[in-house]
Amino acid sequence: MEDNKYIVSARKYRPSTFESVVGQRALTETLRNSIRQGKLAHAYLFCGPRGVGKTTCARIFAKTINCQNPTSTNDACNQCESCKAFNEQRSFNIHELDAASNNSVDDIRSLIDQVRIPPQVGKYSVYIIDEVHMLSAGAFNALLKTLEEPPSYAIFILATTEKHKVLPTILSRCQVYDFQRITVADIIGHLQYVAKQEGITASEDALNVVAQKADGGMRDALSIFDQLVAFCGNSISYEQAIEVLNVLDTEYYFRLTDMCLKGDVKSALLLLDDVLNKGFDAGNFVSGLAKHLRDVLVSHDAATIQLIETSDAIRQHYKQQASYTPAVWIFKALNIIVDAETAYRTSKNKRLTVELMLIRLTQIAAASAQQAEISAQPIAVPSAASQSAPQSKVEQPKPAPAPTPVPQASQAQPKSAPAIPSIPRIPTIPSIDIKPAPHEQRSTEASGNQPAVDSQVSAANGQTRNTPFTADQLNGAWVSLKTTFKQEQRLVAMLDAHRPTLIGDHTIQVTFINPWQEEEFKKFGKQILAILRNILQNDSLILQTVVSEQQATRRAYTSEEKFRVLQEQNPYVNEFKKKFDMLLE
C-alpha cells in the first residue's frame, strides 16, 4: 500500500513561477524584465514582513536565470536539466545559507571560498542568505569585498525581515526590493483557490477571519487554513472559524454600537459580561470596539469605505450602520474609548473601567439631546422694566452700550439620530463700573440698563412674562448654566461655589467673598440674567451681586501671645506659672 505523505499547504502551494506569486506584482515584473533584458545585478536585498514571498522569489529568480530553455514569458521551462535538478533539490547552482545559525566570520569565509568555484551546469551560482540581519559585525565586514566585486557568475540574494539592522555599507552594494504586506482581498482569493484545489467548501466570511488573523502574511494564512481544515473537515463555516481561532464575532460590535446609540445601558453591560465569560480579554475588546467605530466612520463615504480590509459582505454591513450613525457621535465615542484604553493599563479594577466606558458611550445621545434643548431655547434680552427696581444701598450704574443681537440656535435636527449641536458663542459683555457703598456690604445689579435694546425686544415680543417660580426652580436653572458656559472654567467654578438667594419674588442675590470674584461674574451677568429669565419665564427677574467684607481677626501665634490669651481667659494661669516656676517655650 502506497503511503501518501501529507504536505502542509504552505509548502504544497508554494509559488513556482513569478506569475503565481501573490500580492507582489510590481516586484515580480521588475525581476522578470531584468531577466528578459539581461540586466542582472550582482547583489539583491529582499526585505519585508514575514510570509510575503522573499525567499520564494529568490528561489524562482535563481531557477529562472539558470533555465536553459526559458519560455516566451521568461519563466523556467521545468524540462531542462537545471530545472529538474532544482525541482528535485539537488542543484549545485543554488546555495542557501541560514544566517540565523551560521552568522560567524568563519561561516562567511567558507562561503567566500565556495564562491570561487564556477557552476558546472547553468550560467550562474546563486547564493541566498536568509535572515541576513543576524550576521555579526565581523561577518558583515568579511562579506563586504566579495559582495562588491564577486565573480561574473556569482549572484547574491540577501533576505531579511529587519532592514534597519543591515549595515549601510551592505545596503549600498545591493539592489533593494521592499516587499509589502499582502492585502486581505489577495489572501482571500488565494485561499479560495487552495480550497477549490483541495475540494473544501469555505465561506467568504470564514476566509476573511483567516486573512485578518494572518496580518498580511500568506504563510500564516495557509497555516491557519490547515488548522481549520483539521477541525472542520471539508466544510468551513464562519461560526467554526471564530471558535477555533478564538476571534470575537464582529456582530458583537455592531450590536453594541446600536445599544449605545439607543442609550441602552443594561444591554451593553450584559453584552460585556457575555464577552468576558467566553474568555476574551477586556483590553482587546476595547481596542476592537475602537477599530469597529473607525471602520463605521470611514464607511460614511464611498471614497473611504475601501480603507476597510474585509470582505464585501461585511463592508456592506458597515455601510448600513454608518447610514444612521452620526459622525459627530463617533468622534465623541472614540475620544471616550481612547481615554478608557489609557486608564485600563493602570486600573486595578479593569472590568469597572470598561463598564464605565460603556455607560459614558450610552449617555452621549442623552447629553447631546439635553444640550440641544438648552441651546435651542431663545435667549431673551433684559427689558427696561426690570431695571427700574429701587436699590437703597447701591448707586445706579451708567447705561452700558447695547450689545450686538445674539444669534438664535438652529432647531433643525437630523431624522436618523440626534446630532450634537454647537452652542453659539455669546459675546463677552463689558464689565460694569460700580462704586462701593460705605456700608458693611455693597451690592449691585449684574444686569445693567439697556433701554434701546429692551424696547425693541418688548415690541417684538408684544408682552412681558411674569411667571412665578420657587427657590428649587431657581436652583435648577442655576445648575443648567454650567452646561451653557462649560468653556468658561472660572465661571463654572463660581457657579458651583456660589448659589443664589431669592429675595422677594423677583430679586436674585449672589454673595461673593471678594471684589475680584464679583468682577469676574459681572462679565457674564447680562447673559446669565437673560438665560435665567428665559428658563424661568419671568422678565421681571433682577440679578444683584453682594460682596461681604469681613474683618479678619488676628490670631495668636507666639508662645507669649498664646499665654496672654489664656491669662485673659483665666487669671489663675499666671499664679500656676509662678508657683511651679514654669518657662514659656
Protein backbone atom coordinates (compact mmCIF):
# COMPACT_ATOMS: atom_id res chain seq x y z
CA MET A 1 0.00 0.00 0.00
CA GLU A 2 1.43 3.35 -1.06
CA ASP A 3 1.98 5.82 1.74
CA ASN A 4 0.73 9.30 0.74
CA LYS A 5 2.75 11.70 2.88
CA TYR A 6 0.83 14.80 3.96
CA ILE A 7 2.33 18.17 2.93
CA VAL A 8 1.15 21.37 4.54
CA SER A 9 -0.47 23.92 2.26
CA ALA A 10 2.29 26.50 2.78
CA ARG A 11 4.75 24.07 1.11
CA LYS A 12 2.39 22.34 -1.28
CA TYR A 13 1.13 25.58 -2.83
CA ARG A 14 4.39 27.50 -2.67
CA PRO A 15 4.65 29.56 -5.89
CA SER A 16 6.99 28.15 -8.53
CA THR A 17 6.69 30.98 -11.08
CA PHE A 18 6.60 34.76 -10.90
CA GLU A 19 3.01 34.67 -12.09
CA SER A 20 1.88 32.60 -9.11
CA VAL A 21 3.39 34.95 -6.50
CA VAL A 22 0.51 36.68 -4.68
CA GLY A 23 0.43 40.38 -3.90
CA GLN A 24 3.89 41.38 -5.23
CA ARG A 25 3.17 42.16 -8.85
CA ALA A 26 5.44 45.22 -9.14
CA LEU A 27 8.47 43.34 -7.80
CA THR A 28 7.94 40.21 -9.86
CA GLU A 29 7.51 42.24 -13.07
CA THR A 30 10.73 44.12 -12.33
CA LEU A 31 12.67 40.87 -11.82
CA ARG A 32 11.14 39.33 -14.93
CA ASN A 33 12.05 42.35 -17.06
CA SER A 34 15.62 42.37 -15.78
CA ILE A 35 15.94 38.71 -16.82
CA ARG A 36 14.47 39.41 -20.25
CA GLN A 37 16.80 42.36 -20.84
CA GLY A 38 19.84 40.56 -19.45
CA LYS A 39 20.46 43.29 -16.88
CA LEU A 40 21.19 41.28 -13.75
CA ALA A 41 22.73 42.84 -10.67
CA HIS A 42 25.37 41.03 -8.67
CA ALA A 43 23.57 41.55 -5.33
CA TYR A 44 19.94 41.92 -4.28
CA LEU A 45 18.32 42.61 -0.91
CA PHE A 46 14.75 41.36 -0.40
CA CYS A 47 13.19 42.87 2.72
CA GLY A 48 9.68 42.90 4.14
CA PRO A 49 7.36 41.26 6.72
CA ARG A 50 7.31 37.53 7.30
CA GLY A 51 5.50 35.23 4.91
CA VAL A 52 5.21 37.64 1.96
CA GLY A 53 7.41 35.71 -0.51
CA LYS A 54 11.01 36.94 -0.11
CA THR A 55 12.74 33.55 -0.12
CA THR A 56 10.24 32.18 -2.63
CA CYS A 57 11.00 34.96 -5.13
CA ALA A 58 14.73 34.43 -4.57
CA ARG A 59 14.39 30.74 -5.48
CA ILE A 60 12.22 31.45 -8.53
CA PHE A 61 14.74 34.09 -9.67
CA ALA A 62 17.67 31.68 -9.23
CA LYS A 63 15.83 28.90 -11.06
CA THR A 64 14.78 31.14 -13.95
CA ILE A 65 18.19 32.68 -14.71
CA ASN A 66 19.74 29.19 -14.91
CA CYS A 67 16.98 27.72 -17.11
CA GLN A 68 18.40 26.52 -20.42
CA ASN A 69 15.12 26.87 -22.36
CA PRO A 70 13.09 29.77 -20.85
CA THR A 71 9.52 30.25 -22.07
CA SER A 72 8.24 33.25 -24.04
CA THR A 73 7.14 34.86 -20.78
CA ASN A 74 10.65 34.46 -19.31
CA ASP A 75 9.62 31.70 -16.92
CA ALA A 76 11.52 28.48 -16.22
CA CYS A 77 10.65 25.59 -18.53
CA ASN A 78 10.79 22.87 -15.80
CA GLN A 79 12.10 20.47 -18.51
CA CYS A 80 15.82 21.17 -18.79
CA GLU A 81 18.45 19.55 -16.58
CA SER A 82 18.91 22.69 -14.49
CA CYS A 83 15.17 22.99 -13.75
CA LYS A 84 14.87 19.29 -12.93
CA ALA A 85 17.82 19.49 -10.57
CA PHE A 86 16.27 22.49 -8.84
CA ASN A 87 12.85 20.81 -8.52
CA GLU A 88 14.49 17.68 -7.07
CA GLN A 89 16.57 19.82 -4.65
CA ARG A 90 19.90 18.56 -6.00
CA SER A 91 21.04 21.64 -7.87
CA PHE A 92 24.65 22.75 -7.28
CA ASN A 93 23.99 26.19 -8.73
CA ILE A 94 21.80 27.41 -5.85
CA HIS A 95 23.22 27.68 -2.35
CA GLU A 96 21.16 28.70 0.68
CA LEU A 97 22.66 29.88 3.95
CA ASP A 98 20.67 30.44 7.13
CA ALA A 99 22.35 33.42 8.75
CA ALA A 100 20.39 32.88 11.96
CA SER A 101 22.52 29.82 12.77
CA ASN A 102 25.58 30.50 10.56
CA ASN A 103 26.46 34.05 11.49
CA SER A 104 30.14 33.92 12.35
CA VAL A 105 33.16 35.13 10.41
CA ASP A 106 34.23 31.51 9.71
CA ASP A 107 30.87 30.75 8.09
CA ILE A 108 31.26 33.70 5.72
CA ARG A 109 34.85 32.70 4.92
CA SER A 110 33.64 29.22 3.92
CA LEU A 111 31.02 30.88 1.72
CA ILE A 112 33.67 33.07 0.08
CA ASP A 113 35.81 30.01 -0.66
CA GLN A 114 32.81 28.37 -2.27
CA VAL A 115 32.17 31.42 -4.46
CA ARG A 116 35.48 30.84 -6.24
CA ILE A 117 34.12 27.60 -7.78
CA PRO A 118 32.26 28.25 -11.08
CA PRO A 119 28.95 26.46 -11.81
CA GLN A 120 29.10 23.09 -13.59
CA VAL A 121 25.60 23.34 -15.11
CA GLY A 122 23.97 26.65 -15.95
CA LYS A 123 25.29 30.19 -16.09
CA TYR A 124 25.13 31.46 -12.53
CA SER A 125 25.83 30.39 -8.98
CA VAL A 126 23.22 31.98 -6.76
CA TYR A 127 23.84 32.43 -3.02
CA ILE A 128 20.69 33.04 -0.96
CA ILE A 129 21.43 34.28 2.57
CA ASP A 130 18.26 34.21 4.64
CA GLU A 131 17.82 36.35 7.79
CA VAL A 132 20.94 38.28 6.84
CA HIS A 133 20.42 40.81 9.64
CA MET A 134 21.53 38.07 12.10
CA LEU A 135 25.13 38.17 10.83
CA SER A 136 27.67 39.53 13.26
CA ALA A 137 29.54 42.77 12.57
CA GLY A 138 32.67 40.78 11.71
CA ALA A 139 30.76 38.55 9.30
CA PHE A 140 29.28 41.60 7.57
CA ASN A 141 32.74 43.11 7.14
CA ALA A 142 34.09 39.82 5.80
CA LEU A 143 31.34 39.76 3.19
CA LEU A 144 31.83 43.36 2.02
CA LYS A 145 34.63 42.89 -0.50
CA THR A 146 33.17 39.79 -2.11
CA LEU A 147 29.72 41.35 -2.23
CA GLU A 148 31.10 44.43 -4.00
CA GLU A 149 33.19 42.62 -6.64
CA PRO A 150 32.04 38.99 -6.94
CA PRO A 151 32.93 36.76 -9.90
CA SER A 152 30.82 37.29 -13.03
CA TYR A 153 28.90 34.08 -12.43
CA ALA A 154 28.07 34.78 -8.74
CA ILE A 155 24.83 36.48 -7.65
CA PHE A 156 23.96 37.19 -4.03
CA ILE A 157 20.35 37.44 -2.80
CA LEU A 158 20.01 38.60 0.80
CA ALA A 159 16.65 38.28 2.58
CA THR A 160 15.68 39.92 5.85
CA THR A 161 12.64 41.00 7.87
CA GLU A 162 14.59 43.77 9.64
CA LYS A 163 16.19 46.01 7.05
CA HIS A 164 17.27 48.60 9.62
CA LYS A 165 19.70 46.11 11.18
CA VAL A 166 21.67 45.64 7.95
CA LEU A 167 24.84 47.73 7.68
CA PRO A 168 24.56 50.74 5.35
CA THR A 169 27.71 49.54 3.56
CA ILE A 170 25.86 46.33 2.68
CA LEU A 171 22.75 48.21 1.54
CA SER A 172 24.81 50.41 -0.78
CA ARG A 173 26.10 47.32 -2.63
CA CYS A 174 22.65 45.79 -3.27
CA GLN A 175 19.52 46.48 -5.27
CA VAL A 176 16.87 46.78 -2.56
CA TYR A 177 13.37 45.32 -3.10
CA ASP A 178 10.79 46.14 -0.42
CA PHE A 179 8.05 43.51 -0.21
CA GLN A 180 4.68 44.74 1.04
CA ARG A 181 2.08 43.10 3.26
CA ILE A 182 -0.39 41.02 1.29
CA THR A 183 -3.86 42.55 1.34
CA VAL A 184 -6.88 40.81 2.83
CA ALA A 185 -8.53 40.58 -0.59
CA ASP A 186 -5.47 38.86 -2.13
CA ILE A 187 -5.23 36.39 0.75
CA ILE A 188 -8.94 35.53 0.48
CA GLY A 189 -8.58 34.98 -3.27
CA HIS A 190 -5.61 32.65 -2.85
CA LEU A 191 -7.31 30.71 -0.05
CA GLN A 192 -10.35 30.23 -2.27
CA TYR A 193 -8.06 28.80 -4.95
CA VAL A 194 -6.43 26.41 -2.44
CA ALA A 195 -9.83 25.35 -1.08
CA LYS A 196 -11.06 24.62 -4.59
CA GLN A 197 -7.99 22.51 -5.36
CA GLU A 198 -8.46 20.53 -2.13
CA GLY A 199 -12.22 20.10 -2.57
CA ILE A 200 -13.05 22.12 0.53
CA THR A 201 -16.08 24.39 0.91
CA ALA A 202 -15.28 27.56 2.86
CA SER A 203 -17.47 30.63 3.30
CA GLU A 204 -16.02 34.02 2.39
CA ASP A 205 -16.62 35.31 5.92
CA ALA A 206 -14.59 32.42 7.35
CA LEU A 207 -11.72 33.10 4.97
CA ASN A 208 -11.93 36.79 5.91
CA VAL A 209 -11.33 35.81 9.55
CA VAL A 210 -8.28 33.80 8.46
CA ALA A 211 -6.95 36.72 6.40
CA GLN A 212 -7.41 39.17 9.28
CA LYS A 213 -5.66 36.79 11.66
CA ALA A 214 -2.72 36.30 9.24
CA ASP A 215 -1.92 40.05 9.33
CA GLY A 216 -0.59 40.25 5.78
CA GLY A 217 1.41 37.00 5.72
CA MET A 218 0.42 34.31 3.21
CA ARG A 219 2.36 31.59 5.00
CA ASP A 220 0.48 32.35 8.23
CA ALA A 221 -2.82 32.34 6.35
CA LEU A 222 -2.17 28.90 4.84
CA SER A 223 -1.12 27.51 8.24
CA ILE A 224 -4.33 28.81 9.83
CA PHE A 225 -6.31 27.38 6.93
CA ASP A 226 -4.82 23.92 7.58
CA GLN A 227 -5.76 24.27 11.24
CA LEU A 228 -9.39 24.98 10.31
CA VAL A 229 -9.48 22.03 7.91
CA ALA A 230 -8.24 19.74 10.67
CA PHE A 231 -11.12 20.86 12.90
CA CYS A 232 -13.95 21.38 10.40
CA GLY A 233 -13.22 18.84 7.71
CA ASN A 234 -14.27 19.69 4.16
CA SER A 235 -16.75 22.41 5.13
CA ILE A 236 -15.64 25.56 6.95
CA SER A 237 -18.24 27.99 8.32
CA TYR A 238 -17.83 31.41 9.86
CA GLU A 239 -19.00 30.21 13.28
CA GLN A 240 -16.44 27.40 13.30
CA ALA A 241 -13.67 29.79 12.23
CA ILE A 242 -14.20 32.25 15.08
CA GLU A 243 -14.49 29.37 17.54
CA VAL A 244 -11.25 27.69 16.52
CA LEU A 245 -9.25 30.93 16.19
CA ASN A 246 -10.73 32.47 19.35
CA VAL A 247 -11.80 35.60 17.49
CA LEU A 248 -14.62 37.80 18.76
CA ASP A 249 -17.53 37.93 16.35
CA THR A 250 -17.85 41.34 14.68
CA GLU A 251 -21.59 41.10 15.27
CA TYR A 252 -20.92 41.93 18.92
CA TYR A 253 -19.55 45.31 17.93
CA PHE A 254 -22.46 46.04 15.60
CA ARG A 255 -24.93 45.22 18.37
CA LEU A 256 -23.01 47.22 20.96
CA THR A 257 -22.95 50.29 18.71
CA ASP A 258 -26.73 50.09 18.29
CA MET A 259 -27.17 49.77 22.06
CA CYS A 260 -25.04 52.86 22.68
CA LEU A 261 -26.99 54.86 20.11
CA LYS A 262 -30.23 53.90 21.87
CA GLY A 263 -28.82 54.61 25.34
CA ASP A 264 -29.44 51.03 26.48
CA VAL A 265 -27.03 50.72 29.43
CA LYS A 266 -28.40 47.41 30.70
CA SER A 267 -27.98 45.56 27.40
CA ALA A 268 -24.47 46.98 26.90
CA LEU A 269 -23.30 45.73 30.30
CA LEU A 270 -24.85 42.30 29.71
CA LEU A 271 -23.09 42.08 26.34
CA LEU A 272 -19.75 42.85 28.03
CA ASP A 273 -20.44 40.12 30.57
CA ASP A 274 -21.13 37.65 27.77
CA VAL A 275 -17.85 38.58 26.05
CA LEU A 276 -15.81 38.15 29.24
CA ASN A 277 -17.50 34.82 30.05
CA LYS A 278 -16.32 33.50 26.70
CA GLY A 279 -12.72 34.11 27.71
CA PHE A 280 -11.93 37.25 25.72
CA ASP A 281 -9.66 39.91 27.19
CA ALA A 282 -11.40 43.17 28.11
CA GLY A 283 -8.50 45.24 26.79
CA ASN A 284 -8.70 43.58 23.37
CA PHE A 285 -12.45 44.13 23.44
CA VAL A 286 -11.94 47.89 23.93
CA SER A 287 -9.36 48.03 21.12
CA GLY A 288 -11.67 46.07 18.84
CA LEU A 289 -14.52 48.50 19.55
CA ALA A 290 -12.28 51.43 18.61
CA LYS A 291 -11.35 49.71 15.33
CA HIS A 292 -15.03 48.97 14.65
CA LEU A 293 -16.06 52.61 15.11
CA ARG A 294 -13.19 53.68 12.89
CA ASP A 295 -14.49 51.36 10.17
CA VAL A 296 -18.01 52.76 10.63
CA LEU A 297 -16.61 56.28 10.29
CA VAL A 298 -14.80 55.61 7.00
CA SER A 299 -17.96 53.91 5.69
CA HIS A 300 -19.76 57.26 5.57
CA ASP A 301 -18.19 58.00 2.19
CA ALA A 302 -17.88 55.75 -0.84
CA ALA A 303 -14.35 57.06 -1.41
CA THR A 304 -13.10 55.99 2.03
CA ILE A 305 -15.05 52.75 2.51
CA GLN A 306 -12.29 50.97 0.59
CA LEU A 307 -10.00 51.60 3.56
CA ILE A 308 -11.75 48.73 5.37
CA GLU A 309 -9.81 45.49 4.85
CA THR A 310 -12.61 42.96 4.94
CA SER A 311 -14.97 41.03 2.69
CA ASP A 312 -17.64 42.72 0.58
CA ALA A 313 -20.48 41.31 2.70
CA ILE A 314 -19.10 42.76 5.94
CA ARG A 315 -18.26 46.02 4.17
CA GLN A 316 -21.94 46.40 3.24
CA HIS A 317 -22.87 45.81 6.88
CA TYR A 318 -20.58 48.67 7.89
CA LYS A 319 -22.13 50.88 5.23
CA GLN A 320 -25.61 50.12 6.57
CA GLN A 321 -24.71 51.03 10.16
CA ALA A 322 -22.91 54.17 9.03
CA SER A 323 -26.13 55.40 7.36
CA TYR A 324 -27.77 56.07 10.75
CA THR A 325 -24.71 56.69 12.96
CA PRO A 326 -23.75 60.41 13.05
CA ALA A 327 -20.08 61.17 12.50
CA VAL A 328 -20.11 63.60 15.45
CA TRP A 329 -21.29 60.79 17.73
CA ILE A 330 -18.40 58.60 16.53
CA PHE A 331 -15.89 61.38 17.27
CA LYS A 332 -17.12 61.66 20.85
CA ALA A 333 -17.22 57.87 21.25
CA LEU A 334 -13.65 57.45 20.02
CA ASN A 335 -12.43 60.07 22.50
CA ILE A 336 -14.13 58.16 25.32
CA ILE A 337 -12.60 54.86 24.17
CA VAL A 338 -9.10 56.35 23.91
CA ASP A 339 -9.42 57.66 27.47
CA ALA A 340 -10.60 54.23 28.61
CA GLU A 341 -7.65 52.49 26.92
CA THR A 342 -5.24 54.80 28.75
CA ALA A 343 -6.95 54.25 32.11
CA TYR A 344 -7.20 50.48 31.54
CA ARG A 345 -3.43 49.99 31.67
CA THR A 346 -3.12 51.38 35.20
CA SER A 347 -6.52 50.46 36.61
CA LYS A 348 -6.77 47.89 39.41
CA ASN A 349 -10.44 47.18 38.61
CA LYS A 350 -10.20 46.76 34.84
CA ARG A 351 -13.74 45.49 34.37
CA LEU A 352 -15.17 48.55 36.11
CA THR A 353 -13.10 50.77 33.80
CA VAL A 354 -14.64 49.13 30.73
CA GLU A 355 -18.13 49.28 32.23
CA LEU A 356 -17.76 52.99 32.94
CA MET A 357 -16.68 53.44 29.32
CA LEU A 358 -19.86 51.71 28.11
CA ILE A 359 -22.01 53.84 30.41
CA ARG A 360 -20.43 57.01 29.03
CA LEU A 361 -20.99 55.78 25.47
CA THR A 362 -24.67 55.18 26.14
CA GLN A 363 -25.04 58.68 27.63
CA ILE A 364 -23.69 60.54 24.59
CA ALA A 365 -27.06 60.76 22.88
CA ALA A 366 -28.86 61.85 26.07
CA ALA A 367 -26.28 64.56 26.80
CA SER A 368 -26.48 65.78 23.22
CA ALA A 369 -30.26 65.99 23.37
CA GLN A 370 -30.08 67.99 26.62
CA GLN A 371 -27.58 70.42 25.13
CA ALA A 372 -29.72 70.76 22.04
CA GLU A 373 -32.78 71.58 24.17
CA ILE A 374 -30.91 74.25 26.15
CA SER A 375 -29.27 75.85 23.13
CA ALA A 376 -32.50 75.80 21.12
CA GLN A 377 -34.34 77.91 23.70
CA PRO A 378 -34.41 81.62 22.70
CA ILE A 379 -32.33 83.93 24.88
CA ALA A 380 -34.31 87.00 25.98
CA VAL A 381 -32.61 90.36 26.41
CA PRO A 382 -33.30 92.15 29.73
CA SER A 383 -36.25 94.53 29.49
CA ALA A 384 -36.18 98.11 30.64
CA ALA A 385 -38.86 97.46 33.26
CA SER A 386 -36.56 95.05 35.10
CA GLN A 387 -34.01 97.80 35.65
CA SER A 388 -36.45 100.13 37.49
CA ALA A 389 -36.44 98.24 40.82
CA PRO A 390 -35.11 100.53 43.59
CA GLN A 391 -31.82 99.67 45.26
CA SER A 392 -31.37 101.60 48.51
CA LYS A 393 -27.74 100.67 49.11
CA VAL A 394 -26.44 100.82 45.57
CA GLU A 395 -25.50 103.68 43.34
CA GLN A 396 -27.14 103.09 39.94
CA PRO A 397 -24.61 102.23 37.20
CA LYS A 398 -24.32 104.11 33.97
CA PRO A 399 -26.07 102.63 30.91
CA ALA A 400 -23.82 100.22 29.02
CA PRO A 401 -23.64 100.21 25.21
CA ALA A 402 -26.11 97.88 23.52
CA PRO A 403 -24.57 94.51 22.54
CA THR A 404 -24.92 93.00 19.13
CA PRO A 405 -28.02 90.80 18.71
CA VAL A 406 -27.47 87.23 19.90
CA PRO A 407 -27.89 84.64 17.10
CA GLN A 408 -30.59 82.06 17.74
CA ALA A 409 -29.64 78.38 17.81
CA SER A 410 -30.80 76.31 14.92
CA GLN A 411 -33.54 73.83 15.80
CA ALA A 412 -33.16 71.58 12.79
CA GLN A 413 -32.22 68.06 13.84
CA PRO A 414 -31.42 65.03 11.67
CA LYS A 415 -34.16 62.45 11.46
CA SER A 416 -31.95 59.39 11.79
CA ALA A 417 -30.27 60.11 15.12
CA PRO A 418 -29.88 63.15 17.37
CA ALA A 419 -26.82 65.18 16.39
CA ILE A 420 -24.75 67.23 18.80
CA PRO A 421 -25.39 70.90 18.02
CA SER A 422 -22.79 73.52 18.72
CA ILE A 423 -23.76 76.10 21.34
CA PRO A 424 -23.39 79.64 19.95
CA ARG A 425 -20.59 81.66 21.48
CA ILE A 426 -22.18 84.64 23.25
CA PRO A 427 -20.11 87.82 23.05
CA THR A 428 -18.47 88.99 26.26
CA ILE A 429 -20.34 91.82 27.97
CA PRO A 430 -18.18 94.72 29.18
CA SER A 431 -17.84 94.92 32.95
CA ILE A 432 -19.87 97.47 34.93
CA ASP A 433 -18.01 100.08 36.96
CA ILE A 434 -19.62 100.15 40.44
CA LYS A 435 -18.55 102.30 43.35
CA PRO A 436 -18.65 100.52 46.72
CA ALA A 437 -21.20 101.81 49.22
CA PRO A 438 -19.93 102.92 52.70
CA HIS A 439 -21.61 100.00 54.48
CA GLU A 440 -20.55 96.56 55.69
CA GLN A 441 -21.81 95.11 52.39
CA ARG A 442 -22.12 96.57 48.91
CA SER A 443 -24.39 95.22 46.16
CA THR A 444 -25.15 95.92 42.54
CA GLU A 445 -27.31 94.56 39.74
CA ALA A 446 -25.44 92.43 37.27
CA SER A 447 -27.89 93.15 34.51
CA GLY A 448 -27.22 96.84 33.76
CA ASN A 449 -29.52 99.15 31.81
CA GLN A 450 -30.21 98.90 28.08
CA PRO A 451 -33.38 100.82 27.23
CA ALA A 452 -32.80 100.87 23.48
CA VAL A 453 -32.48 97.11 23.12
CA ASP A 454 -35.20 96.39 25.69
CA SER A 455 -37.72 98.48 23.81
CA GLN A 456 -37.02 96.58 20.62
CA VAL A 457 -37.40 93.24 22.35
CA SER A 458 -40.61 94.31 24.07
CA ALA A 459 -42.01 95.43 20.76
CA ALA A 460 -41.04 92.17 19.17
CA ASN A 461 -42.48 90.00 21.95
CA GLY A 462 -45.64 92.01 22.45
CA GLN A 463 -45.97 91.06 26.14
CA THR A 464 -43.94 90.69 29.33
CA ARG A 465 -43.63 87.28 31.02
CA ASN A 466 -44.16 87.24 34.78
CA THR A 467 -44.41 83.56 35.77
CA PRO A 468 -43.83 82.95 39.50
CA PHE A 469 -41.09 80.47 40.48
CA THR A 470 -39.78 78.76 43.59
CA ALA A 471 -36.30 78.55 45.10
CA ASP A 472 -35.93 74.94 43.87
CA GLN A 473 -36.76 76.01 40.31
CA LEU A 474 -34.18 78.79 40.63
CA ASN A 475 -31.50 76.33 41.77
CA GLY A 476 -32.33 74.01 38.87
CA ALA A 477 -31.98 76.85 36.37
CA TRP A 478 -28.71 77.90 38.08
CA VAL A 479 -27.23 74.40 37.67
CA SER A 480 -28.15 74.34 33.96
CA LEU A 481 -25.96 77.41 33.45
CA LYS A 482 -22.87 75.21 33.82
CA THR A 483 -23.76 73.39 30.60
CA THR A 484 -24.16 76.61 28.65
CA PHE A 485 -20.90 78.12 29.93
CA LYS A 486 -18.89 74.88 30.05
CA GLN A 487 -15.99 76.50 28.13
CA GLU A 488 -15.59 79.19 30.83
CA GLN A 489 -13.93 77.19 33.60
CA ARG A 490 -13.65 80.08 36.06
CA LEU A 491 -17.33 80.92 35.72
CA VAL A 492 -18.33 77.27 36.15
CA ALA A 493 -16.27 77.11 39.37
CA MET A 494 -18.05 80.23 40.69
CA LEU A 495 -21.45 78.81 39.77
CA ASP A 496 -20.60 75.71 41.81
CA ALA A 497 -19.28 77.65 44.80
CA HIS A 498 -21.93 80.39 45.00
CA ARG A 499 -25.62 79.57 44.93
CA PRO A 500 -28.26 82.31 44.51
CA THR A 501 -30.63 83.51 47.20
CA LEU A 502 -34.19 84.52 46.30
CA ILE A 503 -35.16 87.88 47.88
CA GLY A 504 -38.82 88.66 47.46
CA ASP A 505 -40.49 87.42 44.30
CA HIS A 506 -38.17 88.73 41.58
CA THR A 507 -34.73 89.51 43.04
CA ILE A 508 -31.83 87.03 42.94
CA GLN A 509 -28.83 87.80 45.14
CA VAL A 510 -25.37 86.18 44.80
CA THR A 511 -22.83 86.77 47.59
CA PHE A 512 -19.07 86.78 46.91
CA ILE A 513 -16.20 86.89 49.39
CA ASN A 514 -14.05 89.37 47.43
CA PRO A 515 -14.45 92.02 44.73
CA TRP A 516 -12.38 90.04 42.22
CA GLN A 517 -14.95 87.24 42.08
CA GLU A 518 -17.71 89.80 41.66
CA GLU A 519 -15.94 91.49 38.73
CA GLU A 520 -15.36 88.14 37.00
CA PHE A 521 -19.00 87.21 37.48
CA LYS A 522 -20.29 90.57 36.18
CA LYS A 523 -18.61 89.93 32.80
CA PHE A 524 -21.30 87.32 32.16
CA GLY A 525 -24.05 88.97 34.19
CA LYS A 526 -26.25 90.06 31.27
CA GLN A 527 -26.03 86.64 29.62
CA ILE A 528 -26.81 84.82 32.87
CA LEU A 529 -29.79 87.07 33.57
CA ALA A 530 -31.13 86.61 30.03
CA ILE A 531 -30.88 82.81 30.28
CA LEU A 532 -32.48 82.71 33.75
CA ARG A 533 -35.36 84.90 32.57
CA ASN A 534 -35.91 82.62 29.61
CA ILE A 535 -35.81 79.38 31.67
CA LEU A 536 -37.99 80.75 34.50
CA GLN A 537 -40.29 82.64 32.08
CA ASN A 538 -40.06 85.83 34.12
CA ASP A 539 -38.97 89.13 32.54
CA SER A 540 -39.12 90.99 35.87
CA LEU A 541 -36.22 89.00 37.27
CA ILE A 542 -33.39 91.09 38.81
CA LEU A 543 -29.90 89.75 39.46
CA GLN A 544 -27.70 91.53 42.01
CA THR A 545 -24.31 90.73 43.47
CA VAL A 546 -23.08 91.29 47.03
CA VAL A 547 -19.53 91.38 48.36
CA SER A 548 -19.22 90.52 52.05
CA GLU A 549 -16.33 92.50 53.57
CA GLN A 550 -15.38 90.54 56.68
CA GLN A 551 -12.86 91.89 59.19
CA ALA A 552 -10.08 89.40 59.72
CA THR A 553 -9.36 88.58 63.40
CA ARG A 554 -5.72 88.47 64.35
CA ARG A 555 -4.69 85.15 65.88
CA ALA A 556 -2.03 84.43 68.44
CA TYR A 557 0.99 82.66 67.03
CA THR A 558 3.93 83.05 69.52
CA SER A 559 4.13 81.42 72.95
CA GLU A 560 3.85 84.78 74.74
CA GLU A 561 0.75 85.70 72.74
CA LYS A 562 -0.90 82.37 73.46
CA PHE A 563 -0.12 82.70 77.21
CA ARG A 564 -1.53 86.22 77.25
CA VAL A 565 -4.78 84.96 75.71
CA LEU A 566 -5.01 82.18 78.31
CA GLN A 567 -4.30 84.69 81.11
CA GLU A 568 -7.14 86.90 79.95
CA GLN A 569 -9.50 83.93 79.97
CA ASN A 570 -8.32 82.53 83.35
CA PRO A 571 -6.34 84.75 85.80
CA TYR A 572 -5.16 81.71 87.83
CA VAL A 573 -2.93 80.63 84.94
CA ASN A 574 -0.35 83.27 85.93
CA GLU A 575 -0.31 82.09 89.56
CA PHE A 576 0.12 78.49 88.39
CA LYS A 577 3.10 79.57 86.29
CA LYS A 578 4.77 81.40 89.21
CA LYS A 579 4.15 78.60 91.73
CA PHE A 580 5.86 75.93 89.60
CA ASP A 581 8.42 78.35 88.17
CA MET A 582 7.44 77.45 84.57
CA LEU A 583 9.04 78.91 81.46
CA LEU A 584 7.42 79.60 78.11
CA GLU A 585 8.93 77.71 75.15
